[in-house]
Structure formats: C-alpha cells, structure tokens
Amino acid sequence: MNSENAELMKLFNETIVHWKRMIMWAERQPKDEVPRSHRMFEKIKMDWYGESCSFCRKFAKYIKCKGCPLTGEGCCDGLWRRVCGVSTWEKWVERASDVLIYIKEKRDENQDR
C-alpha cells in the first residue's frame, strides 16, 4: 500500500469511527425527539456536519469537494442530506446507518488501489 492509499484508508477509518460513535449516542436518545446537532456536540464533541468529518476537513476547501471519494450526487452520494432532514432520532439513526454502510462500501472499493 502506497502512502497516498494509506492516508486515504486512515480517513476512511476515522470517518467510520465517527459515524459509529454518533449512531451509538443517537440510539440512546428518545426515539421521537427532534435531532439537534448542537446537543450531540455538547455530549460527544462531534456532530454530522463538516467540521467533525475527516474527509470534509481535507476536501471541503475545494469546490464541490473535488477529489473526495465520498462525493457522488452530493456528500456521501446524497445520503448525508437525508440525515439532516429528519424529525426524530429514530429516523436519524436509520439514515445515519445508511451513510455508514455507504462509507464502508467506498472504503472497500478503494482498499486495494
């Protein structure tokens, strides 16, 4: 594995851990409560916005996140936007789990490059 791919795998692994931690925390919230990113940040020092994402911190400085392997039809191929638009923690967990699956799939696709 070359150093560029090693860095990419590091970003994937950090991002997977990030989403797992958020999902684990959100699963303990009242299912019918409205998700609030600031509440999550107060408790676990991360949320679902770019400042907390390793890929966003690296690639978001470019227009449309040029070069980010997670970009398709928007951030995480449009799945991230679906996380933002939910009205309950239960739905947030469901949609965040879709993001996590997508990130793992992209990691696996990029593993042997």
C-alpha atoms as a PDB file:
ATOM      1  CA  MET A   1       0.000   0.000   0.000  1.00  0.00           C
ATOM      2  CA  ASN A   2       1.471   3.346  -1.015  1.00  0.00           C
ATOM      3  CA  SER A   3       1.449   6.353   1.308  1.00  0.00           C
ATOM      4  CA  GLU A   4      -1.409   8.066  -0.552  1.00  0.00           C
ATOM      5  CA  ASN A   5      -3.622   4.999  -0.175  1.00  0.00           C
ATOM      6  CA  ALA A   6      -2.560   4.626   3.462  1.00  0.00           C
ATOM      7  CA  GLU A   7      -3.698   8.194   4.129  1.00  0.00           C
ATOM      8  CA  LEU A   8      -6.988   7.507   2.343  1.00  0.00           C
ATOM      9  CA  MET A   9      -7.586   4.382   4.449  1.00  0.00           C
ATOM     10  CA  LYS A  10      -6.833   6.403   7.587  1.00  0.00           C
ATOM     11  CA  LEU A  11      -9.502   8.933   6.559  1.00  0.00           C
ATOM     12  CA  PHE A  12     -11.983   6.136   5.881  1.00  0.00           C
ATOM     13  CA  ASN A  13     -11.318   4.513   9.250  1.00  0.00           C
ATOM     14  CA  GLU A  14     -11.586   7.812  11.145  1.00  0.00           C
ATOM     15  CA  THR A  15     -14.859   8.595   9.373  1.00  0.00           C
ATOM     16  CA  ILE A  16     -16.291   5.141  10.080  1.00  0.00           C
ATOM     17  CA  VAL A  17     -15.451   5.514  13.781  1.00  0.00           C
ATOM     18  CA  HIS A  18     -17.004   8.993  13.727  1.00  0.00           C
ATOM     19  CA  TRP A  19     -20.330   7.748  12.324  1.00  0.00           C
ATOM     20  CA  LYS A  20     -20.370   4.716  14.624  1.00  0.00           C
ATOM     21  CA  ARG A  21     -19.907   6.945  17.672  1.00  0.00           C
ATOM     22  CA  MET A  22     -22.667   9.293  16.575  1.00  0.00           C
ATOM     23  CA  ILE A  23     -25.044   6.408  15.879  1.00  0.00           C
ATOM     24  CA  MET A  24     -24.299   4.790  19.245  1.00  0.00           C
ATOM     25  CA  TRP A  25     -25.035   8.070  21.034  1.00  0.00           C
ATOM     26  CA  ALA A  26     -28.178   8.766  18.982  1.00  0.00           C
ATOM     27  CA  GLU A  27     -29.538   5.281  19.699  1.00  0.00           C
ATOM     28  CA  ARG A  28     -29.681   6.235  23.389  1.00  0.00           C
ATOM     29  CA  GLN A  29     -31.788   9.345  22.737  1.00  0.00           C
ATOM     30  CA  PRO A  30     -35.597   9.406  22.967  1.00  0.00           C
ATOM     31  CA  LYS A  31     -36.685   7.949  19.614  1.00  0.00           C
ATOM     32  CA  ASP A  32     -39.356  10.575  18.951  1.00  0.00           C
ATOM     33  CA  GLU A  33     -37.248  13.590  19.942  1.00  0.00           C
ATOM     34  CA  VAL A  34     -36.095  16.047  17.255  1.00  0.00           C
ATOM     35  CA  PRO A  35     -32.372  15.614  16.471  1.00  0.00           C
ATOM     36  CA  ARG A  36     -30.211  18.593  17.423  1.00  0.00           C
ATOM     37  CA  SER A  37     -26.603  18.650  16.279  1.00  0.00           C
ATOM     38  CA  HIS A  38     -25.573  21.100  18.998  1.00  0.00           C
ATOM     39  CA  ARG A  39     -26.875  18.715  21.675  1.00  0.00           C
ATOM     40  CA  MET A  40     -24.834  15.870  20.213  1.00  0.00           C
ATOM     41  CA  PHE A  41     -21.776  18.099  20.036  1.00  0.00           C
ATOM     42  CA  GLU A  42     -22.184  19.133  23.680  1.00  0.00           C
ATOM     43  CA  LYS A  43     -22.209  15.486  24.741  1.00  0.00           C
ATOM     44  CA  ILE A  44     -19.714  13.745  22.441  1.00  0.00           C
ATOM     45  CA  LYS A  45     -17.802  16.649  20.853  1.00  0.00           C
ATOM     46  CA  MET A  46     -18.872  15.766  17.308  1.00  0.00           C
ATOM     47  CA  ASP A  47     -21.869  16.086  15.038  1.00  0.00           C
ATOM     48  CA  TRP A  48     -22.845  15.278  11.457  1.00  0.00           C
ATOM     49  CA  TYR A  49     -21.500  18.485   9.905  1.00  0.00           C
ATOM     50  CA  GLY A  50     -18.244  19.011   8.049  1.00  0.00           C
ATOM     51  CA  GLU A  51     -16.126  20.245  10.920  1.00  0.00           C
ATOM     52  CA  SER A  52     -16.431  16.805  12.508  1.00  0.00           C
ATOM     53  CA  CYS A  53     -15.691  14.775   9.346  1.00  0.00           C
ATOM     54  CA  SER A  54     -12.124  13.853   8.397  1.00  0.00           C
ATOM     55  CA  PHE A  55     -12.975  13.830   4.680  1.00  0.00           C
ATOM     56  CA  CYS A  56     -14.730  17.198   4.820  1.00  0.00           C
ATOM     57  CA  ARG A  57     -11.804  18.769   6.648  1.00  0.00           C
ATOM     58  CA  LYS A  58      -9.481  17.546   3.906  1.00  0.00           C
ATOM     59  CA  PHE A  59     -11.609  18.061   0.776  1.00  0.00           C
ATOM     60  CA  ALA A  60     -14.320  20.645   1.539  1.00  0.00           C
ATOM     61  CA  LYS A  61     -11.949  23.516   0.815  1.00  0.00           C
ATOM     62  CA  TYR A  62     -12.393  22.673  -2.858  1.00  0.00           C
ATOM     63  CA  ILE A  63     -15.482  23.454  -4.885  1.00  0.00           C
ATOM     64  CA  LYS A  64     -17.890  20.509  -4.673  1.00  0.00           C
ATOM     65  CA  CYS A  65     -15.356  18.618  -2.546  1.00  0.00           C
ATOM     66  CA  LYS A  66     -13.185  17.832  -5.576  1.00  0.00           C
ATOM     67  CA  GLY A  67     -11.217  14.650  -5.016  1.00  0.00           C
ATOM     68  CA  CYS A  68     -13.297  13.373  -2.115  1.00  0.00           C
ATOM     69  CA  PRO A  69     -14.031   9.668  -2.651  1.00  0.00           C
ATOM     70  CA  LEU A  70     -17.343  10.018  -0.792  1.00  0.00           C
ATOM     71  CA  THR A  71     -18.823  12.570  -3.189  1.00  0.00           C
ATOM     72  CA  GLY A  72     -21.333  11.300  -5.725  1.00  0.00           C
ATOM     73  CA  GLU A  73     -24.666  13.040  -6.057  1.00  0.00           C
ATOM     74  CA  GLY A  74     -23.706  15.270  -3.146  1.00  0.00           C
ATOM     75  CA  CYS A  75     -21.998  14.454   0.120  1.00  0.00           C
ATOM     76  CA  CYS A  76     -21.982  10.692   0.692  1.00  0.00           C
ATOM     77  CA  ASP A  77     -23.861  10.376  -2.602  1.00  0.00           C
ATOM     78  CA  GLY A  78     -26.780  12.411  -1.250  1.00  0.00           C
ATOM     79  CA  LEU A  79     -27.228  10.310   1.880  1.00  0.00           C
ATOM     80  CA  TRP A  80     -25.827  12.989   4.192  1.00  0.00           C
ATOM     81  CA  ARG A  81     -28.591  15.414   3.165  1.00  0.00           C
ATOM     82  CA  ARG A  82     -31.178  12.789   4.122  1.00  0.00           C
ATOM     83  CA  VAL A  83     -29.678  12.627   7.632  1.00  0.00           C
ATOM     84  CA  CYS A  84     -30.067  16.386   8.015  1.00  0.00           C
ATOM     85  CA  GLY A  85     -33.736  16.447   7.130  1.00  0.00           C
ATOM     86  CA  VAL A  86     -35.199  14.074   9.716  1.00  0.00           C
ATOM     87  CA  SER A  87     -37.637  14.862  12.509  1.00  0.00           C
ATOM     88  CA  THR A  88     -36.784  12.104  15.024  1.00  0.00           C
ATOM     89  CA  TRP A  89     -33.704  10.443  16.443  1.00  0.00           C
ATOM     90  CA  GLU A  90     -35.138   7.094  15.350  1.00  0.00           C
ATOM     91  CA  LYS A  91     -35.137   8.231  11.708  1.00  0.00           C
ATOM     92  CA  TRP A  92     -31.738   9.876  12.177  1.00  0.00           C
ATOM     93  CA  VAL A  93     -30.225   6.550  13.293  1.00  0.00           C
ATOM     94  CA  GLU A  94     -31.792   4.776  10.323  1.00  0.00           C
ATOM     95  CA  ARG A  95     -30.437   7.258   7.802  1.00  0.00           C
ATOM     96  CA  ALA A  96     -27.060   7.638   9.505  1.00  0.00           C
ATOM     97  CA  SER A  97     -26.729   3.857   9.300  1.00  0.00           C
ATOM     98  CA  ASP A  98     -27.183   4.187   5.521  1.00  0.00           C
ATOM     99  CA  VAL A  99     -24.325   6.708   5.464  1.00  0.00           C
ATOM    100  CA  LEU A 100     -22.123   4.337   7.465  1.00  0.00           C
ATOM    101  CA  ILE A 101     -22.843   1.467   5.057  1.00  0.00           C
ATOM    102  CA  TYR A 102     -22.003   3.738   2.107  1.00  0.00           C
ATOM    103  CA  ILE A 103     -18.694   4.809   3.680  1.00  0.00           C
ATOM    104  CA  LYS A 104     -17.723   1.193   4.375  1.00  0.00           C
ATOM    105  CA  GLU A 105     -18.550   0.225   0.784  1.00  0.00           C
ATOM    106  CA  LYS A 106     -16.433   3.083  -0.569  1.00  0.00           C
ATOM    107  CA  ARG A 107     -13.580   2.065   1.742  1.00  0.00           C
ATOM    108  CA  ASP A 108     -13.751  -1.492   0.427  1.00  0.00           C
ATOM    109  CA  GLU A 109     -13.741  -0.246  -3.187  1.00  0.00           C
ATOM    110  CA  ASN A 110     -10.636   1.845  -2.502  1.00  0.00           C
ATOM    111  CA  GLN A 111      -8.804  -0.680  -0.328  1.00  0.00           C
ATOM    112  CA  ASP A 112      -6.673  -2.294  -2.990  1.00  0.00           C
ATOM    113  CA  ARG A 113      -5.792   0.762  -5.050  1.00  0.00           C
END
